[in-house]
C-alpha atoms as a PDB file:
ATOM      1  CA  UNK A   1       0.001   0.025  -0.033  1.00  0.00           C
ATOM      2  CA  UNK A   2       1.220   3.527  -0.789  1.00  0.00           C
ATOM      3  CA  UNK A   3       1.002   6.454   1.552  1.00  0.00           C
ATOM      4  CA  UNK A   4       1.944  10.002   0.636  1.00  0.00           C
ATOM      5  CA  UNK A   5       2.487  13.391   2.188  1.00  0.00           C
ATOM      6  CA  UNK A   6       2.804  16.788   0.470  1.00  0.00           C
ATOM      7  CA  UNK A   7       4.456  19.985   1.758  1.00  0.00           C
ATOM      8  CA  UNK A   8       3.144  22.807  -0.407  1.00  0.00           C
ATOM      9  CA  UNK A   9       4.619  26.272  -0.838  1.00  0.00           C
ATOM     10  CA  UNK A  10       7.996  25.582   0.893  1.00  0.00           C
ATOM     11  CA  UNK A  11      10.003  28.751   0.572  1.00  0.00           C
ATOM     12  CA  UNK A  12      13.128  27.258  -0.930  1.00  0.00           C
ATOM     13  CA  UNK A  13      14.164  26.737  -4.501  1.00  0.00           C
ATOM     14  CA  UNK A  14      13.221  23.310  -5.992  1.00  0.00           C
ATOM     15  CA  UNK A  15      16.792  22.929  -7.335  1.00  0.00           C
ATOM     16  CA  UNK A  16      18.180  22.973  -3.736  1.00  0.00           C
ATOM     17  CA  UNK A  17      15.558  20.508  -2.494  1.00  0.00           C
ATOM     18  CA  UNK A  18      16.060  17.985  -5.303  1.00  0.00           C
ATOM     19  CA  UNK A  19      19.709  17.614  -4.293  1.00  0.00           C
ATOM     20  CA  UNK A  20      18.581  16.160  -0.921  1.00  0.00           C
ATOM     21  CA  UNK A  21      15.611  14.120  -2.174  1.00  0.00           C
ATOM     22  CA  UNK A  22      17.824  12.145  -4.559  1.00  0.00           C
ATOM     23  CA  UNK A  23      19.733  10.858  -1.500  1.00  0.00           C
ATOM     24  CA  UNK A  24      16.733   9.307   0.218  1.00  0.00           C
ATOM     25  CA  UNK A  25      14.913   7.722  -2.717  1.00  0.00           C
ATOM     26  CA  UNK A  26      14.711   3.903  -2.354  1.00  0.00           C
ATOM     27  CA  UNK A  27      15.939   3.888   1.239  1.00  0.00           C
ATOM     28  CA  UNK A  28      14.060   2.422   4.168  1.00  0.00           C
ATOM     29  CA  UNK A  29      12.368   5.023   6.338  1.00  0.00           C
ATOM     30  CA  UNK A  30      14.781   4.629   9.273  1.00  0.00           C
ATOM     31  CA  UNK A  31      17.813   5.093   7.007  1.00  0.00           C
ATOM     32  CA  UNK A  32      16.210   8.062   5.235  1.00  0.00           C
ATOM     33  CA  UNK A  33      15.603   9.763   8.656  1.00  0.00           C
ATOM     34  CA  UNK A  34      19.267   9.179   9.556  1.00  0.00           C
ATOM     35  CA  UNK A  35      20.490  10.704   6.274  1.00  0.00           C
ATOM     36  CA  UNK A  36      18.281  13.727   6.757  1.00  0.00           C
ATOM     37  CA  UNK A  37      19.316  14.183  10.388  1.00  0.00           C
ATOM     38  CA  UNK A  38      22.960  14.481   9.438  1.00  0.00           C
ATOM     39  CA  UNK A  39      22.533  16.628   6.258  1.00  0.00           C
ATOM     40  CA  UNK A  40      23.353  20.267   7.082  1.00  0.00           C
ATOM     41  CA  UNK A  41      20.863  21.948   4.723  1.00  0.00           C
ATOM     42  CA  UNK A  42      17.582  23.749   5.144  1.00  0.00           C
ATOM     43  CA  UNK A  43      16.048  21.407   2.594  1.00  0.00           C
ATOM     44  CA  UNK A  44      16.884  18.380   4.815  1.00  0.00           C
ATOM     45  CA  UNK A  45      14.785  19.914   7.601  1.00  0.00           C
ATOM     46  CA  UNK A  46      11.814  20.465   5.324  1.00  0.00           C
ATOM     47  CA  UNK A  47      12.016  16.983   3.810  1.00  0.00           C
ATOM     48  CA  UNK A  48      12.374  15.475   7.310  1.00  0.00           C
ATOM     49  CA  UNK A  49       9.200  17.207   8.343  1.00  0.00           C
ATOM     50  CA  UNK A  50       7.347  15.864   5.247  1.00  0.00           C
ATOM     51  CA  UNK A  51       8.717  12.356   5.755  1.00  0.00           C
ATOM     52  CA  UNK A  52       7.569  12.258   9.375  1.00  0.00           C
ATOM     53  CA  UNK A  53       4.146  13.371   8.225  1.00  0.00           C
ATOM     54  CA  UNK A  54       4.047  10.514   5.686  1.00  0.00           C
ATOM     55  CA  UNK A  55       5.033   8.059   8.408  1.00  0.00           C
ATOM     56  CA  UNK A  56       2.296   9.380  10.672  1.00  0.00           C
ATOM     57  CA  UNK A  57      -0.185   8.991   7.798  1.00  0.00           C
ATOM     58  CA  UNK A  58       0.909   5.407   7.281  1.00  0.00           C
ATOM     59  CA  UNK A  59       0.542   4.509  11.011  1.00  0.00           C
ATOM     60  CA  UNK A  60      -2.740   6.257  11.649  1.00  0.00           C
ATOM     61  CA  UNK A  61      -4.638   6.048   8.361  1.00  0.00           C
ATOM     62  CA  UNK A  62      -3.373   2.826   6.824  1.00  0.00           C
ATOM     63  CA  UNK A  63      -2.332   0.849   9.944  1.00  0.00           C
ATOM     64  CA  UNK A  64       1.162   0.150   8.648  1.00  0.00           C
ATOM     65  CA  UNK A  65       4.336  -0.313  10.685  1.00  0.00           C
ATOM     66  CA  UNK A  66       7.055   2.326  10.134  1.00  0.00           C
ATOM     67  CA  UNK A  67       9.929  -0.177   9.992  1.00  0.00           C
ATOM     68  CA  UNK A  68       8.461  -1.943   6.929  1.00  0.00           C
ATOM     69  CA  UNK A  69       8.167   1.250   4.857  1.00  0.00           C
ATOM     70  CA  UNK A  70      10.436   2.364   2.042  1.00  0.00           C
ATOM     71  CA  UNK A  71      10.702   5.789   0.368  1.00  0.00           C
ATOM     72  CA  UNK A  72       9.237   4.877  -3.043  1.00  0.00           C
ATOM     73  CA  UNK A  73       9.570   8.367  -4.524  1.00  0.00           C
ATOM     74  CA  UNK A  74      10.458  11.825  -3.319  1.00  0.00           C
ATOM     75  CA  UNK A  75       9.442  14.400  -5.906  1.00  0.00           C
ATOM     76  CA  UNK A  76       9.901  18.188  -5.848  1.00  0.00           C
ATOM     77  CA  UNK A  77       7.741  20.325  -8.024  1.00  0.00           C
ATOM     78  CA  UNK A  78       7.956  24.007  -8.703  1.00  0.00           C
ATOM     79  CA  UNK A  79       5.493  26.224  -6.823  1.00  0.00           C
ATOM     80  CA  UNK A  80       4.583  29.805  -7.509  1.00  0.00           C
ATOM     81  CA  UNK A  81       7.347  32.397  -7.640  1.00  0.00           C
ATOM     82  CA  UNK A  82       7.151  35.568  -5.620  1.00  0.00           C
ATOM     83  CA  UNK A  83       8.371  38.574  -7.539  1.00  0.00           C
ATOM     84  CA  UNK A  84      10.075  41.337  -5.543  1.00  0.00           C
ATOM     85  CA  UNK A  85      11.876  44.522  -6.523  1.00  0.00           C
ATOM     86  CA  UNK A  86      15.227  45.847  -5.382  1.00  0.00           C
ATOM     87  CA  UNK A  87      16.567  49.319  -5.903  1.00  0.00           C
ATOM     88  CA  UNK A  88      19.428  49.761  -8.355  1.00  0.00           C
ATOM     89  CA  UNK A  89      21.710  52.471  -9.619  1.00  0.00           C
ATOM     90  CA  UNK A  90      20.297  55.694 -11.214  1.00  0.00           C
ATOM     91  CA  UNK A  91      16.803  55.145  -9.899  1.00  0.00           C
ATOM     92  CA  UNK A  92      16.185  51.886 -11.674  1.00  0.00           C
ATOM     93  CA  UNK A  93      15.077  48.630 -10.111  1.00  0.00           C
ATOM     94  CA  UNK A  94      15.515  44.922 -10.779  1.00  0.00           C
ATOM     95  CA  UNK A  95      13.471  41.886 -10.014  1.00  0.00           C
ATOM     96  CA  UNK A  96      14.180  39.270  -7.362  1.00  0.00           C
ATOM     97  CA  UNK A  97      12.514  35.874  -7.867  1.00  0.00           C
ATOM     98  CA  UNK A  98      11.734  34.084  -4.589  1.00  0.00           C
ATOM     99  CA  UNK A  99      11.031  30.539  -5.732  1.00  0.00           C
ATOM    100  CA  UNK A 100       8.795  28.079  -3.818  1.00  0.00           C
ATOM    101  CA  UNK A 101       8.417  24.332  -4.144  1.00  0.00           C
ATOM    102  CA  UNK A 102       6.025  21.492  -3.481  1.00  0.00           C
ATOM    103  CA  UNK A 103       7.666  18.451  -1.814  1.00  0.00           C
ATOM    104  CA  UNK A 104       5.812  15.108  -2.289  1.00  0.00           C
ATOM    105  CA  UNK A 105       6.997  11.928  -0.551  1.00  0.00           C
ATOM    106  CA  UNK A 106       5.402   8.488  -1.303  1.00  0.00           C
ATOM    107  CA  UNK A 107       6.077   5.609   1.089  1.00  0.00           C
ATOM    108  CA  UNK A 108       5.330   1.996   0.171  1.00  0.00           C
ATOM    109  CA  UNK A 109       5.417  -1.318   2.012  1.00  0.00           C
ATOM    110  CA  UNK A 110       5.405  -3.391  -1.231  1.00  0.00           C
ATOM    111  CA  UNK A 111       9.081  -2.710  -2.074  1.00  0.00           C
ATOM    112  CA  UNK A 112      11.555  -5.172  -0.562  1.00  0.00           C
ATOM    113  CA  UNK A 113      13.945  -3.581   1.870  1.00  0.00           C
ATOM    114  CA  UNK A 114      17.484  -4.347   0.744  1.00  0.00           C
ATOM    115  CA  UNK A 115      20.128  -4.381   3.478  1.00  0.00           C
ATOM    116  CA  UNK A 116      23.850  -4.941   3.213  1.00  0.00           C
ATOM    117  CA  UNK A 117      23.533  -8.569   4.299  1.00  0.00           C
ATOM    118  CA  UNK A 118      20.848  -9.395   1.696  1.00  0.00           C
ATOM    119  CA  UNK A 119      22.869  -7.624  -1.022  1.00  0.00           C
ATOM    120  CA  UNK A 120      25.958  -9.577  -0.043  1.00  0.00           C
ATOM    121  CA  UNK A 121      24.135 -12.908  -0.020  1.00  0.00           C
ATOM    122  CA  UNK A 122      22.599 -12.099  -3.428  1.00  0.00           C
ATOM    123  CA  UNK A 123      26.020 -11.295  -4.900  1.00  0.00           C
ATOM    124  CA  UNK A 124      27.545 -14.503  -3.551  1.00  0.00           C
ATOM    125  CA  UNK A 125      24.707 -16.582  -4.998  1.00  0.00           C
ATOM    126  CA  UNK A 126      25.183 -14.940  -8.428  1.00  0.00           C
ATOM    127  CA  UNK A 127      28.882 -15.765  -8.265  1.00  0.00           C
ATOM    128  CA  UNK A 128      28.157 -19.430  -7.511  1.00  0.00           C
ATOM    129  CA  UNK A 129      25.736 -19.629 -10.441  1.00  0.00           C
ATOM    130  CA  UNK A 130      28.205 -18.101 -12.807  1.00  0.00           C
ATOM    131  CA  UNK A 131      30.823 -20.682 -11.712  1.00  0.00           C
ATOM    132  CA  UNK A 132      28.385 -23.524 -12.343  1.00  0.00           C
ATOM    133  CA  UNK A 133      27.744 -22.275 -15.891  1.00  0.00           C
ATOM    134  CA  UNK A 134      31.477 -22.487 -16.818  1.00  0.00           C
ATOM    135  CA  UNK A 135      32.461 -26.112 -17.236  1.00  0.00           C
ATOM    136  CA  UNK A 136      35.300 -27.360 -14.990  1.00  0.00           C
ATOM    137  CA  UNK A 137      37.393 -28.575 -18.012  1.00  0.00           C
ATOM    138  CA  UNK A 138      37.237 -25.244 -19.816  1.00  0.00           C
ATOM    139  CA  UNK A 139      39.116 -22.239 -18.534  1.00  0.00           C
ATOM    140  CA  UNK A 140      37.156 -19.052 -18.526  1.00  0.00           C
ATOM    141  CA  UNK A 141      38.324 -16.894 -21.414  1.00  0.00           C
ATOM    142  CA  UNK A 142      39.510 -13.472 -20.391  1.00  0.00           C
ATOM    143  CA  UNK A 143      39.745 -10.691 -22.961  1.00  0.00           C
ATOM    144  CA  UNK A 144      43.245  -9.596 -23.666  1.00  0.00           C
ATOM    145  CA  UNK A 145      44.232  -6.105 -22.633  1.00  0.00           C
ATOM    146  CA  UNK A 146      44.914  -3.705 -25.477  1.00  0.00           C
ATOM    147  CA  UNK A 147      48.472  -2.452 -25.894  1.00  0.00           C
ATOM    148  CA  UNK A 148      48.972   1.217 -24.937  1.00  0.00           C
ATOM    149  CA  UNK A 149      50.456   3.684 -27.381  1.00  0.00           C
ATOM    150  CA  UNK A 150      53.492   4.094 -25.177  1.00  0.00           C
ATOM    151  CA  UNK A 151      54.096   0.349 -25.356  1.00  0.00           C
ATOM    152  CA  UNK A 152      53.933   0.393 -29.180  1.00  0.00           C
ATOM    153  CA  UNK A 153      56.401   3.254 -29.443  1.00  0.00           C
ATOM    154  CA  UNK A 154      58.858   1.544 -27.119  1.00  0.00           C
ATOM    155  CA  UNK A 155      58.623  -1.602 -29.234  1.00  0.00           C
ATOM    156  CA  UNK A 156      59.424   0.295 -32.466  1.00  0.00           C
ATOM    157  CA  UNK A 157      62.561   1.813 -30.995  1.00  0.00           C
END
């Protein structure tokens, strides 16, 4: 089941928020909270707030456990831009664009949580399967390394 939470009109540029949301996509909720806690950016605080809201939605509305949830997607959309003026030389003015963003976090319990141990076991199993495929009488063929230009020039001299 999917649960979502949206933080609208956050007063920060979407470009700055996307940098942090890329880090938490696909992580379990506990790991995502740890990453956000140790990220020294304003965006991390705002995303943390939204993530906690999504966790609360999952627990109260959908009766899901927080430790089984994974961040399925963390999307940042562009909100309205506030236009302000600042005084410039010779009585002119220029525009300042104060950008806002909409942060949407979707949690899911359907995605398998992948830990280091499961990743390591999966890799070892793949290695065993690849060894079984190569016959014991045949040596695995390795591609030969290409000669470098410096090696060729040395051979000519």
